Amino acid sequence: MDATLTFTVTDDDTASALGSGTLPVLATPRLLAWCEAATCAAIDPALGAGSTSVGTRVSLEHSGASAVGAEVEVTASDTYVDGRLHRFTVSARSGGKLVGSGEITRVVVDADRFLARLT
């Protein structure tokens, strides 16, 4: 299971806008959200009716800055599966340069049962 999504950095995606810094560059929390979106896109076609996946573990290195207007391509590849557990390797590139990489773990759950536990 693989997926690649492409995003364009806007003013709303910057560290200064999200409160994770003061510079007008891609914020790490937004990069993480984009990486999670790629893992969801990769796993969603394999989910059964009533199932969804939830993130349970993240390791992300944000290794390069991306300016407003930059295009960022995020790829997620399912590298390990154990029953309901799926581990993805994620990478983000901008202008051909690696700007982020890491690993995200998701677990497949029954959506209704999961939400019922919250009440």
PDB file of N, CA and C in Angstrom:
ATOM      1  N   MET A   1       0.843  -1.175   0.000  1.00  0.00           N
ATOM      2  CA  MET A   1       0.000   0.000   0.000  1.00  0.00           C
ATOM      3  C   MET A   1       0.884   1.233   0.000  1.00  0.00           C
ATOM      4  N   ASP A   2       0.742   2.014  -1.044  1.00  0.00           N
ATOM      5  CA  ASP A   2       1.502   3.255  -1.168  1.00  0.00           C
ATOM      6  C   ASP A   2       0.564   4.372  -1.596  1.00  0.00           C
ATOM      7  N   ALA A   3       0.928   5.596  -1.254  1.00  0.00           N
ATOM      8  CA  ALA A   3       0.200   6.769  -1.734  1.00  0.00           C
ATOM      9  C   ALA A   3       1.150   7.947  -1.765  1.00  0.00           C
ATOM     10  N   THR A   4       0.947   8.808  -2.754  1.00  0.00           N
ATOM     11  CA  THR A   4       1.699  10.048  -2.841  1.00  0.00           C
ATOM     12  C   THR A   4       0.710  11.185  -3.018  1.00  0.00           C
ATOM     13  N   LEU A   5       0.844  12.193  -2.176  1.00  0.00           N
ATOM     14  CA  LEU A   5       0.005  13.386  -2.237  1.00  0.00           C
ATOM     15  C   LEU A   5       0.895  14.600  -2.444  1.00  0.00           C
ATOM     16  N   THR A   6       0.381  15.591  -3.147  1.00  0.00           N
ATOM     17  CA  THR A   6       1.142  16.812  -3.384  1.00  0.00           C
ATOM     18  C   THR A   6       0.400  18.001  -2.787  1.00  0.00           C
ATOM     19  N   PHE A   7       1.147  18.835  -2.075  1.00  0.00           N
ATOM     20  CA  PHE A   7       0.590  20.010  -1.414  1.00  0.00           C
ATOM     21  C   PHE A   7       1.405  21.243  -1.802  1.00  0.00           C
ATOM     22  N   THR A   8       0.775  22.393  -1.742  1.00  0.00           N
ATOM     23  CA  THR A   8       1.473  23.660  -1.945  1.00  0.00           C
ATOM     24  C   THR A   8       1.441  24.428  -0.636  1.00  0.00           C
ATOM     25  N   VAL A   9       2.591  24.867  -0.170  1.00  0.00           N
ATOM     26  CA  VAL A   9       2.691  25.601   1.092  1.00  0.00           C
ATOM     27  C   VAL A   9       2.014  26.962   0.935  1.00  0.00           C
ATOM     28  N   THR A  10       1.065  27.247   1.825  1.00  0.00           N
ATOM     29  CA  THR A  10       0.398  28.551   1.851  1.00  0.00           C
ATOM     30  C   THR A  10       0.748  29.262   3.155  1.00  0.00           C
ATOM     31  N   ASP A  11       0.318  30.502   3.273  1.00  0.00           N
ATOM     32  CA  ASP A  11       0.554  31.252   4.506  1.00  0.00           C
ATOM     33  C   ASP A  11      -0.039  30.541   5.719  1.00  0.00           C
ATOM     34  N   ASP A  12      -1.147  29.826   5.512  1.00  0.00           N
ATOM     35  CA  ASP A  12      -1.799  29.109   6.615  1.00  0.00           C
ATOM     36  C   ASP A  12      -1.016  27.889   7.084  1.00  0.00           C
ATOM     37  N   ASP A  13      -0.042  27.441   6.293  1.00  0.00           N
ATOM     38  CA  ASP A  13       0.761  26.261   6.618  1.00  0.00           C
ATOM     39  C   ASP A  13       2.070  26.593   7.330  1.00  0.00           C
ATOM     40  N   THR A  14       2.321  27.854   7.587  1.00  0.00           N
ATOM     41  CA  THR A  14       3.625  28.267   8.107  1.00  0.00           C
ATOM     42  C   THR A  14       3.731  28.128   9.627  1.00  0.00           C
ATOM     43  N   ALA A  15       4.971  28.085  10.068  1.00  0.00           N
ATOM     44  CA  ALA A  15       5.243  28.014  11.505  1.00  0.00           C
ATOM     45  C   ALA A  15       4.660  29.222  12.226  1.00  0.00           C
ATOM     46  N   SER A  16       4.763  30.394  11.614  1.00  0.00           N
ATOM     47  CA  SER A  16       4.229  31.597  12.262  1.00  0.00           C
ATOM     48  C   SER A  16       2.704  31.526  12.369  1.00  0.00           C
ATOM     49  N   ALA A  17       2.029  30.957  11.389  1.00  0.00           N
ATOM     50  CA  ALA A  17       0.565  30.854  11.434  1.00  0.00           C
ATOM     51  C   ALA A  17       0.093  29.801  12.422  1.00  0.00           C
ATOM     52  N   LEU A  18       0.849  28.726  12.562  1.00  0.00           N
ATOM     53  CA  LEU A  18       0.424  27.620  13.423  1.00  0.00           C
ATOM     54  C   LEU A  18       0.982  27.707  14.844  1.00  0.00           C
ATOM     55  N   GLY A  19       1.809  28.693  15.107  1.00  0.00           N
ATOM     56  CA  GLY A  19       2.338  28.868  16.457  1.00  0.00           C
ATOM     57  C   GLY A  19       3.459  27.923  16.818  1.00  0.00           C
ATOM     58  N   SER A  20       4.104  27.332  15.804  1.00  0.00           N
ATOM     59  CA  SER A  20       5.215  26.427  16.095  1.00  0.00           C
ATOM     60  C   SER A  20       6.560  27.072  15.787  1.00  0.00           C
ATOM     61  N   GLY A  21       6.564  28.377  15.665  1.00  0.00           N
ATOM     62  CA  GLY A  21       7.768  29.149  15.377  1.00  0.00           C
ATOM     63  C   GLY A  21       7.369  30.523  14.873  1.00  0.00           C
ATOM     64  N   THR A  22       8.346  31.278  14.430  1.00  0.00           N
ATOM     65  CA  THR A  22       8.063  32.648  13.999  1.00  0.00           C
ATOM     66  C   THR A  22       8.342  32.895  12.525  1.00  0.00           C
ATOM     67  N   LEU A  23       8.856  31.891  11.830  1.00  0.00           N
ATOM     68  CA  LEU A  23       9.251  32.090  10.435  1.00  0.00           C
ATOM     69  C   LEU A  23       8.139  31.688   9.463  1.00  0.00           C
ATOM     70  N   PRO A  24       8.106  32.335   8.302  1.00  0.00           N
ATOM     71  CA  PRO A  24       7.106  32.005   7.288  1.00  0.00           C
ATOM     72  C   PRO A  24       7.544  30.837   6.400  1.00  0.00           C
ATOM     73  N   VAL A  25       7.775  29.689   7.016  1.00  0.00           N
ATOM     74  CA  VAL A  25       8.162  28.457   6.322  1.00  0.00           C
ATOM     75  C   VAL A  25       7.216  27.343   6.765  1.00  0.00           C
ATOM     76  N   LEU A  26       7.200  26.236   6.009  1.00  0.00           N
ATOM     77  CA  LEU A  26       6.330  25.116   6.343  1.00  0.00           C
ATOM     78  C   LEU A  26       6.524  24.693   7.796  1.00  0.00           C
ATOM     79  N   ALA A  27       5.422  24.641   8.521  1.00  0.00           N
ATOM     80  CA  ALA A  27       5.451  24.251   9.930  1.00  0.00           C
ATOM     81  C   ALA A  27       5.531  22.734  10.062  1.00  0.00           C
ATOM     82  N   THR A  28       6.264  22.284  11.049  1.00  0.00           N
ATOM     83  CA  THR A  28       6.365  20.853  11.302  1.00  0.00           C
ATOM     84  C   THR A  28       5.004  20.216  11.582  1.00  0.00           C
ATOM     85  N   PRO A  29       4.114  20.859  12.356  1.00  0.00           N
ATOM     86  CA  PRO A  29       2.794  20.235  12.561  1.00  0.00           C
ATOM     87  C   PRO A  29       2.024  20.042  11.248  1.00  0.00           C
ATOM     88  N   ARG A  30       2.167  20.963  10.308  1.00  0.00           N
ATOM     89  CA  ARG A  30       1.480  20.810   9.018  1.00  0.00           C
ATOM     90  C   ARG A  30       2.117  19.678   8.210  1.00  0.00           C
ATOM     91  N   LEU A  31       3.449  19.590   8.240  1.00  0.00           N
ATOM     92  CA  LEU A  31       4.123  18.495   7.553  1.00  0.00           C
ATOM     93  C   LEU A  31       3.649  17.161   8.112  1.00  0.00           C
ATOM     94  N   LEU A  32       3.533  17.074   9.424  1.00  0.00           N
ATOM     95  CA  LEU A  32       3.043  15.849  10.051  1.00  0.00           C
ATOM     96  C   LEU A  32       1.626  15.535   9.576  1.00  0.00           C
ATOM     97  N   ALA A  33       0.755  16.533   9.533  1.00  0.00           N
ATOM     98  CA  ALA A  33      -0.618  16.316   9.073  1.00  0.00           C
ATOM     99  C   ALA A  33      -0.629  15.803   7.633  1.00  0.00           C
ATOM    100  N   TRP A  34       0.241  16.351   6.786  1.00  0.00           N
ATOM    101  CA  TRP A  34       0.319  15.902   5.402  1.00  0.00           C
ATOM    102  C   TRP A  34       0.823  14.453   5.324  1.00  0.00           C
ATOM    103  N   CYS A  35       1.782  14.113   6.171  1.00  0.00           N
ATOM    104  CA  CYS A  35       2.279  12.735   6.195  1.00  0.00           C
ATOM    105  C   CYS A  35       1.176  11.778   6.644  1.00  0.00           C
ATOM    106  N   GLU A  36       0.412  12.167   7.651  1.00  0.00           N
ATOM    107  CA  GLU A  36      -0.696  11.324   8.102  1.00  0.00           C
ATOM    108  C   GLU A  36      -1.750  11.190   7.013  1.00  0.00           C
ATOM    109  N   ALA A  37      -2.015  12.272   6.282  1.00  0.00           N
ATOM    110  CA  ALA A  37      -2.973  12.204   5.178  1.00  0.00           C
ATOM    111  C   ALA A  37      -2.515  11.197   4.128  1.00  0.00           C
ATOM    112  N   ALA A  38      -1.226  11.143   3.875  1.00  0.00           N
ATOM    113  CA  ALA A  38      -0.697  10.178   2.904  1.00  0.00           C
ATOM    114  C   ALA A  38      -0.865   8.750   3.410  1.00  0.00           C
ATOM    115  N   THR A  39      -0.678   8.520   4.716  1.00  0.00           N
ATOM    116  CA  THR A  39      -0.880   7.170   5.244  1.00  0.00           C
ATOM    117  C   THR A  39      -2.354   6.779   5.152  1.00  0.00           C
ATOM    118  N   CYS A  40      -3.242   7.731   5.395  1.00  0.00           N
ATOM    119  CA  CYS A  40      -4.678   7.451   5.266  1.00  0.00           C
ATOM    120  C   CYS A  40      -5.031   7.112   3.820  1.00  0.00           C
ATOM    121  N   ALA A  41      -4.477   7.865   2.884  1.00  0.00           N
ATOM    122  CA  ALA A  41      -4.738   7.597   1.464  1.00  0.00           C
ATOM    123  C   ALA A  41      -4.218   6.225   1.066  1.00  0.00           C
ATOM    124  N   ALA A  42      -3.127   5.797   1.674  1.00  0.00           N
ATOM    125  CA  ALA A  42      -2.553   4.494   1.346  1.00  0.00           C
ATOM    126  C   ALA A  42      -3.389   3.352   1.909  1.00  0.00           C
ATOM    127  N   ILE A  43      -3.898   3.497   3.115  1.00  0.00           N
ATOM    128  CA  ILE A  43      -4.598   2.385   3.764  1.00  0.00           C
ATOM    129  C   ILE A  43      -6.090   2.360   3.455  1.00  0.00           C
ATOM    130  N   ASP A  44      -6.703   3.496   3.172  1.00  0.00           N
ATOM    131  CA  ASP A  44      -8.158   3.566   3.009  1.00  0.00           C
ATOM    132  C   ASP A  44      -8.727   2.581   1.994  1.00  0.00           C
ATOM    133  N   PRO A  45      -8.104   2.373   0.829  1.00  0.00           N
ATOM    134  CA  PRO A  45      -8.699   1.419  -0.129  1.00  0.00           C
ATOM    135  C   PRO A  45      -8.789  -0.014   0.397  1.00  0.00           C
ATOM    136  N   ALA A  46      -8.013  -0.345   1.397  1.00  0.00           N
ATOM    137  CA  ALA A  46      -8.004  -1.712   1.927  1.00  0.00           C
ATOM    138  C   ALA A  46      -8.954  -1.907   3.106  1.00  0.00           C
ATOM    139  N   LEU A  47      -9.589  -0.830   3.554  1.00  0.00           N
ATOM    140  CA  LEU A  47     -10.450  -0.923   4.729  1.00  0.00           C
ATOM    141  C   LEU A  47     -11.816  -1.476   4.371  1.00  0.00           C
ATOM    142  N   GLY A  48     -12.338  -2.313   5.251  1.00  0.00           N
ATOM    143  CA  GLY A  48     -13.674  -2.855   5.070  1.00  0.00           C
ATOM    144  C   GLY A  48     -14.734  -1.857   5.500  1.00  0.00           C
ATOM    145  N   ALA A  49     -15.980  -2.188   5.204  1.00  0.00           N
ATOM    146  CA  ALA A  49     -17.104  -1.343   5.594  1.00  0.00           C
ATOM    147  C   ALA A  49     -17.116  -1.157   7.106  1.00  0.00           C
ATOM    148  N   GLY A  50     -17.289   0.072   7.536  1.00  0.00           N
ATOM    149  CA  GLY A  50     -17.348   0.380   8.964  1.00  0.00           C
ATOM    150  C   GLY A  50     -15.996   0.506   9.636  1.00  0.00           C
ATOM    151  N   SER A  51     -14.930   0.249   8.898  1.00  0.00           N
ATOM    152  CA  SER A  51     -13.583   0.339   9.472  1.00  0.00           C
ATOM    153  C   SER A  51     -12.929   1.665   9.105  1.00  0.00           C
ATOM    154  N   THR A  52     -12.019   2.062   9.941  1.00  0.00           N
ATOM    155  CA  THR A  52     -11.171   3.213   9.675  1.00  0.00           C
ATOM    156  C   THR A  52      -9.825   2.911  10.315  1.00  0.00           C
ATOM    157  N   SER A  53      -8.906   3.840  10.221  1.00  0.00           N
ATOM    158  CA  SER A  53      -7.625   3.651  10.900  1.00  0.00           C
ATOM    159  C   SER A  53      -7.334   4.863  11.765  1.00  0.00           C
ATOM    160  N   VAL A  54      -6.602   4.622  12.830  1.00  0.00           N
ATOM    161  CA  VAL A  54      -6.203   5.701  13.732  1.00  0.00           C
ATOM    162  C   VAL A  54      -4.689   5.686  13.884  1.00  0.00           C
ATOM    163  N   GLY A  55      -4.117   6.866  13.973  1.00  0.00           N
ATOM    164  CA  GLY A  55      -2.686   6.969  14.193  1.00  0.00           C
ATOM    165  C   GLY A  55      -2.361   6.660  15.638  1.00  0.00           C
ATOM    166  N   THR A  56      -1.286   5.903  15.859  1.00  0.00           N
ATOM    167  CA  THR A  56      -0.918   5.532  17.222  1.00  0.00           C
ATOM    168  C   THR A  56       0.521   5.868  17.581  1.00  0.00           C
ATOM    169  N   ARG A  57       1.362   6.101  16.573  1.00  0.00           N
ATOM    170  CA  ARG A  57       2.767   6.389  16.847  1.00  0.00           C
ATOM    171  C   ARG A  57       3.351   7.157  15.672  1.00  0.00           C
ATOM    172  N   VAL A  58       4.185   8.164  16.007  1.00  0.00           N
ATOM    173  CA  VAL A  58       4.802   8.993  14.975  1.00  0.00           C
ATOM    174  C   VAL A  58       6.258   9.259  15.325  1.00  0.00           C
ATOM    175  N   SER A  59       7.104   9.149  14.322  1.00  0.00           N
ATOM    176  CA  SER A  59       8.490   9.582  14.415  1.00  0.00           C
ATOM    177  C   SER A  59       8.762  10.350  13.130  1.00  0.00           C
ATOM    178  N   LEU A  60       9.041  11.656  13.244  1.00  0.00           N
ATOM    179  CA  LEU A  60       9.195  12.488  12.058  1.00  0.00           C
ATOM    180  C   LEU A  60      10.377  13.431  12.219  1.00  0.00           C
ATOM    181  N   GLU A  61      11.232  13.436  11.213  1.00  0.00           N
ATOM    182  CA  GLU A  61      12.335  14.394  11.166  1.00  0.00           C
ATOM    183  C   GLU A  61      12.029  15.402  10.069  1.00  0.00           C
ATOM    184  N   HIS A  62      11.939  16.679  10.455  1.00  0.00           N
ATOM    185  CA  HIS A  62      11.701  17.764   9.500  1.00  0.00           C
ATOM    186  C   HIS A  62      13.075  18.370   9.215  1.00  0.00           C
ATOM    187  N   SER A  63      13.663  17.957   8.097  1.00  0.00           N
ATOM    188  CA  SER A  63      15.078  18.226   7.852  1.00  0.00           C
ATOM    189  C   SER A  63      15.378  19.368   6.894  1.00  0.00           C
ATOM    190  N   GLY A  64      14.343  19.988   6.326  1.00  0.00           N
ATOM    191  CA  GLY A  64      14.597  21.084   5.393  1.00  0.00           C
ATOM    192  C   GLY A  64      13.423  22.044   5.365  1.00  0.00           C
ATOM    193  N   ALA A  65      13.713  23.305   5.146  1.00  0.00           N
ATOM    194  CA  ALA A  65      12.670  24.333   5.111  1.00  0.00           C
ATOM    195  C   ALA A  65      12.028  24.393   3.727  1.00  0.00           C
ATOM    196  N   SER A  66      10.739  24.757   3.719  1.00  0.00           N
ATOM    197  CA  SER A  66       9.995  24.953   2.476  1.00  0.00           C
ATOM    198  C   SER A  66       9.266  26.286   2.567  1.00  0.00           C
ATOM    199  N   ALA A  67       9.497  27.146   1.591  1.00  0.00           N
ATOM    200  CA  ALA A  67       8.911  28.485   1.589  1.00  0.00           C
ATOM    201  C   ALA A  67       7.457  28.461   1.121  1.00  0.00           C
ATOM    202  N   VAL A  68       6.738  29.510   1.414  1.00  0.00           N
ATOM    203  CA  VAL A  68       5.387  29.680   0.894  1.00  0.00           C
ATOM    204  C   VAL A  68       5.458  29.602  -0.633  1.00  0.00           C
ATOM    205  N   GLY A  69       4.551  28.836  -1.215  1.00  0.00           N
ATOM    206  CA  GLY A  69       4.527  28.633  -2.658  1.00  0.00           C
ATOM    207  C   GLY A  69       5.220  27.363  -3.103  1.00  0.00           C
ATOM    208  N   ALA A  70       6.024  26.771  -2.234  1.00  0.00           N
ATOM    209  CA  ALA A  70       6.734  25.535  -2.593  1.00  0.00           C
ATOM    210  C   ALA A  70       5.751  24.378  -2.695  1.00  0.00           C
ATOM    211  N   GLU A  71       6.032  23.483  -3.610  1.00  0.00           N
ATOM    212  CA  GLU A  71       5.257  22.262  -3.746  1.00  0.00           C
ATOM    213  C   GLU A  71       5.971  21.166  -2.963  1.00  0.00           C
ATOM    214  N   VAL A  72       5.206  20.437  -2.144  1.00  0.00           N
ATOM    215  CA  VAL A  72       5.767  19.365  -1.324  1.00  0.00           C
ATOM    216  C   VAL A  72       5.046  18.071  -1.678  1.00  0.00           C
ATOM    217  N   GLU A  73       5.819  17.073  -2.070  1.00  0.00           N
ATOM    218  CA  GLU A  73       5.285  15.758  -2.418  1.00  0.00           C
ATOM    219  C   GLU A  73       5.540  14.819  -1.247  1.00  0.00           C
ATOM    220  N   VAL A  74       4.464  14.247  -0.722  1.00  0.00           N
ATOM    221  CA  VAL A  74       4.552  13.377   0.450  1.00  0.00           C
ATOM    222  C   VAL A  74       4.172  11.957   0.044  1.00  0.00           C
ATOM    223  N   THR A  75       5.034  11.001   0.368  1.00  0.00           N
ATOM    224  CA  THR A  75       4.807   9.605   0.029  1.00  0.00           C
ATOM    225  C   THR A  75       4.757   8.759   1.294  1.00  0.00           C
ATOM    226  N   ALA A  76       3.787   7.845   1.327  1.00  0.00           N
ATOM    227  CA  ALA A  76       3.675   6.878   2.416  1.00  0.00           C
ATOM    228  C   ALA A  76       3.709   5.482   1.818  1.00  0.00           C
ATOM    229  N   SER A  77       4.540   4.617   2.401  1.00  0.00           N
ATOM    230  CA  SER A  77       4.653   3.227   1.947  1.00  0.00           C
ATOM    231  C   SER A  77       4.472   2.305   3.144  1.00  0.00           C
ATOM    232  N   ASP A  78       3.528   1.380   3.020  1.00  0.00           N
ATOM    233  CA  ASP A  78       3.259   0.408   4.077  1.00  0.00           C
ATOM    234  C   ASP A  78       4.426  -0.589   4.110  1.00  0.00           C
ATOM    235  N   THR A  79       5.192  -0.571   5.194  1.00  0.00           N
ATOM    236  CA  THR A  79       6.397  -1.395   5.260  1.00  0.00           C
ATOM    237  C   THR A  79       6.285  -2.577   6.218  1.00  0.00           C
ATOM    238  N   TYR A  80       5.236  -2.576   7.055  1.00  0.00           N
ATOM    239  CA  TYR A  80       5.089  -3.667   8.026  1.00  0.00           C
ATOM    240  C   TYR A  80       3.607  -3.793   8.368  1.00  0.00           C
ATOM    241  N   VAL A  81       3.106  -5.006   8.348  1.00  0.00           N
ATOM    242  CA  VAL A  81       1.714  -5.272   8.714  1.00  0.00           C
ATOM    243  C   VAL A  81       1.685  -6.441   9.679  1.00  0.00           C
ATOM    244  N   ASP A  82       0.955  -6.266  10.775  1.00  0.00           N
ATOM    245  CA  ASP A  82       0.739  -7.341  11.736  1.00  0.00           C
ATOM    246  C   ASP A  82      -0.717  -7.261  12.170  1.00  0.00           C
ATOM    247  N   GLY A  83      -1.574  -8.002  11.492  1.00  0.00           N
ATOM    248  CA  GLY A  83      -3.003  -7.941  11.785  1.00  0.00           C
ATOM    249  C   GLY A  83      -3.555  -6.569  11.468  1.00  0.00           C
ATOM    250  N   ARG A  84      -4.055  -5.894  12.509  1.00  0.00           N
ATOM    251  CA  ARG A  84      -4.648  -4.561  12.326  1.00  0.00           C
ATOM    252  C   ARG A  84      -3.607  -3.445  12.299  1.00  0.00           C
ATOM    253  N   LEU A  85      -2.386  -3.745  12.699  1.00  0.00           N
ATOM    254  CA  LEU A  85      -1.325  -2.732  12.791  1.00  0.00           C
ATOM    255  C   LEU A  85      -0.610  -2.570  11.443  1.00  0.00           C
ATOM    256  N   HIS A  86      -0.475  -1.323  11.015  1.00  0.00           N
ATOM    257  CA  HIS A  86       0.222  -0.999   9.766  1.00  0.00           C
ATOM    258  C   HIS A  86       1.273   0.072  10.062  1.00  0.00           C
ATOM    259  N   ARG A  87       2.507  -0.203   9.691  1.00  0.00           N
ATOM    260  CA  ARG A  87       3.591   0.761   9.881  1.00  0.00           C
ATOM    261  C   ARG A  87       3.988   1.299   8.507  1.00  0.00           C
ATOM    262  N   PHE A  88       4.040   2.618   8.398  1.00  0.00           N
ATOM    263  CA  PHE A  88       4.361   3.287   7.144  1.00  0.00           C
ATOM    264  C   PHE A  88       5.664   4.061   7.258  1.00  0.00           C
ATOM    265  N   THR A  89       6.455   4.012   6.211  1.00  0.00           N
ATOM    266  CA  THR A  89       7.578   4.919   6.053  1.00  0.00           C
ATOM    267  C   THR A  89       7.047   6.108   5.263  1.00  0.00           C
ATOM    268  N   VAL A  90       7.354   7.314   5.731  1.00  0.00           N
ATOM    269  CA  VAL A  90       6.900   8.520   5.038  1.00  0.00           C
ATOM    270  C   VAL A  90       8.101   9.365   4.643  1.00  0.00           C
ATOM    271  N   SER A  91       7.960  10.058   3.518  1.00  0.00           N
ATOM    272  CA  SER A  91       9.001  11.000   3.103  1.00  0.00           C
ATOM    273  C   SER A  91       8.334  12.179   2.423  1.00  0.00           C
ATOM    274  N   ALA A  92       8.972  13.329   2.542  1.00  0.00           N
ATOM    275  CA  ALA A  92       8.475  14.555   1.921  1.00  0.00           C
ATOM    276  C   ALA A  92       9.612  15.179   1.136  1.00  0.00           C
ATOM    277  N   ARG A  93       9.314  15.569  -0.096  1.00  0.00           N
ATOM    278  CA  ARG A  93      10.315  16.179  -0.976  1.00  0.00           C
ATOM    279  C   ARG A  93       9.778  17.483  -1.538  1.00  0.00           C
ATOM    280  N   SER A  94      10.675  18.429  -1.660  1.00  0.00           N
ATOM    281  CA  SER A  94      10.341  19.711  -2.277  1.00  0.00           C
ATOM    282  C   SER A  94      11.487  20.094  -3.202  1.00  0.00           C
ATOM    283  N   GLY A  95      11.171  20.337  -4.458  1.00  0.00           N
ATOM    284  CA  GLY A  95      12.212  20.652  -5.427  1.00  0.00           C
ATOM    285  C   GLY A  95      13.232  19.549  -5.566  1.00  0.00           C
ATOM    286  N   GLY A  96      12.805  18.295  -5.390  1.00  0.00           N
ATOM    287  CA  GLY A  96      13.706  17.156  -5.486  1.00  0.00           C
ATOM    288  C   GLY A  96      14.528  16.905  -4.241  1.00  0.00           C
ATOM    289  N   LYS A  97      14.416  17.767  -3.248  1.00  0.00           N
ATOM    290  CA  LYS A  97      15.205  17.652  -2.016  1.00  0.00           C
ATOM    291  C   LYS A  97      14.345  17.059  -0.897  1.00  0.00           C
ATOM    292  N   LEU A  98      14.935  16.118  -0.158  1.00  0.00           N
ATOM    293  CA  LEU A  98      14.242  15.533   0.989  1.00  0.00           C
ATOM    294  C   LEU A  98      14.106  16.595   2.085  1.00  0.00           C
ATOM    295  N   VAL A  99      12.867  16.857   2.515  1.00  0.00           N
ATOM    296  CA  VAL A  99      12.645  17.847   3.575  1.00  0.00           C
ATOM    297  C   VAL A  99      12.051  17.222   4.832  1.00  0.00           C
ATOM    298  N   GLY A 100      11.672  15.943   4.741  1.00  0.00           N
ATOM    299  CA  GLY A 100      11.138  15.274   5.912  1.00  0.00           C
ATOM    300  C   GLY A 100      11.076  13.777   5.688  1.00  0.00           C
ATOM    301  N   SER A 101      11.214  13.035   6.786  1.00  0.00           N
ATOM    302  CA  SER A 101      11.119  11.580   6.700  1.00  0.00           C
ATOM    303  C   SER A 101      10.776  11.023   8.071  1.00  0.00           C
ATOM    304  N   GLY A 102      10.209   9.824   8.061  1.00  0.00           N
ATOM    305  CA  GLY A 102       9.890   9.216   9.338  1.00  0.00           C
ATOM    306  C   GLY A 102       9.056   7.974   9.191  1.00  0.00           C
ATOM    307  N   GLU A 103       8.352   7.662  10.278  1.00  0.00           N
ATOM    308  CA  GLU A 103       7.554   6.452  10.352  1.00  0.00           C
ATOM    309  C   GLU A 103       6.267   6.763  11.110  1.00  0.00           C
ATOM    310  N   ILE A 104       5.149   6.271  10.590  1.00  0.00           N
ATOM    311  CA  ILE A 104       3.849   6.468  11.225  1.00  0.00           C
ATOM    312  C   ILE A 104       3.174   5.105  11.335  1.00  0.00           C
ATOM    313  N   THR A 105       2.639   4.809  12.517  1.00  0.00           N
ATOM    314  CA  THR A 105       1.915   3.572  12.748  1.00  0.00           C
ATOM    315  C   THR A 105       0.431   3.885  12.858  1.00  0.00           C
ATOM    316  N   ARG A 106      -0.373   3.082  12.157  1.00  0.00           N
ATOM    317  CA  ARG A 106      -1.827   3.199  12.204  1.00  0.00           C
ATOM    318  C   ARG A 106      -2.393   1.838  12.583  1.00  0.00           C
ATOM    319  N   VAL A 107      -3.548   1.847  13.243  1.00  0.00           N
ATOM    320  CA  VAL A 107      -4.240   0.622  13.623  1.00  0.00           C
ATOM    321  C   VAL A 107      -5.655   0.688  13.061  1.00  0.00           C
ATOM    322  N   VAL A 108      -6.088  -0.397  12.432  1.00  0.00           N
ATOM    323  CA  VAL A 108      -7.434  -0.486  11.875  1.00  0.00           C
ATOM    324  C   VAL A 108      -8.410  -0.765  13.014  1.00  0.00           C
ATOM    325  N   VAL A 109      -9.492   0.020  13.051  1.00  0.00           N
ATOM    326  CA  VAL A 109     -10.505  -0.134  14.098  1.00  0.00           C
ATOM    327  C   VAL A 109     -11.894  -0.098  13.475  1.00  0.00           C
ATOM    328  N   ASP A 110     -12.871  -0.640  14.189  1.00  0.00           N
ATOM    329  CA  ASP A 110     -14.271  -0.472  13.827  1.00  0.00           C
ATOM    330  C   ASP A 110     -14.668   0.927  14.309  1.00  0.00           C
ATOM    331  N   ALA A 111     -15.115   1.776  13.409  1.00  0.00           N
ATOM    332  CA  ALA A 111     -15.369   3.186  13.738  1.00  0.00           C
ATOM    333  C   ALA A 111     -16.417   3.342  14.825  1.00  0.00           C
ATOM    334  N   ASP A 112     -17.543   2.638  14.737  1.00  0.00           N
ATOM    335  CA  ASP A 112     -18.604   2.780  15.727  1.00  0.00           C
ATOM    336  C   ASP A 112     -18.162   2.310  17.107  1.00  0.00           C
ATOM    337  N   ARG A 113     -17.491   1.158  17.159  1.00  0.00           N
ATOM    338  CA  ARG A 113     -17.008   0.646  18.446  1.00  0.00           C
ATOM    339  C   ARG A 113     -15.980   1.587  19.062  1.00  0.00           C
ATOM    340  N   PHE A 114     -15.113   2.124  18.231  1.00  0.00           N
ATOM    341  CA  PHE A 114     -14.087   3.053  18.706  1.00  0.00           C
ATOM    342  C   PHE A 114     -14.726   4.285  19.334  1.00  0.00           C
ATOM    343  N   LEU A 115     -15.688   4.877  18.629  1.00  0.00           N
ATOM    344  CA  LEU A 115     -16.350   6.086  19.138  1.00  0.00           C
ATOM    345  C   LEU A 115     -17.206   5.794  20.369  1.00  0.00           C
ATOM    346  N   ALA A 116     -17.811   4.619  20.428  1.00  0.00           N
ATOM    347  CA  ALA A 116     -18.656   4.251  21.578  1.00  0.00           C
ATOM    348  C   ALA A 116     -17.843   4.201  22.860  1.00  0.00           C
ATOM    349  N   ARG A 117     -16.575   3.855  22.755  1.00  0.00           N
ATOM    350  CA  ARG A 117     -15.708   3.797  23.954  1.00  0.00           C
ATOM    351  C   ARG A 117     -15.471   5.169  24.561  1.00  0.00           C
ATOM    352  N   LEU A 118     -15.725   6.229  23.813  1.00  0.00           N
ATOM    353  CA  LEU A 118     -15.451   7.591  24.290  1.00  0.00           C
ATOM    354  C   LEU A 118     -16.572   8.158  25.167  1.00  0.00           C
ATOM    355  N   THR A 119     -17.727   7.537  25.129  1.00  0.00           N
ATOM    356  CA  THR A 119     -18.854   8.086  25.902  1.00  0.00           C
ATOM    357  C   THR A 119     -19.082   7.350  27.180  1.00  0.00           C
TER     358      THR A 119
END
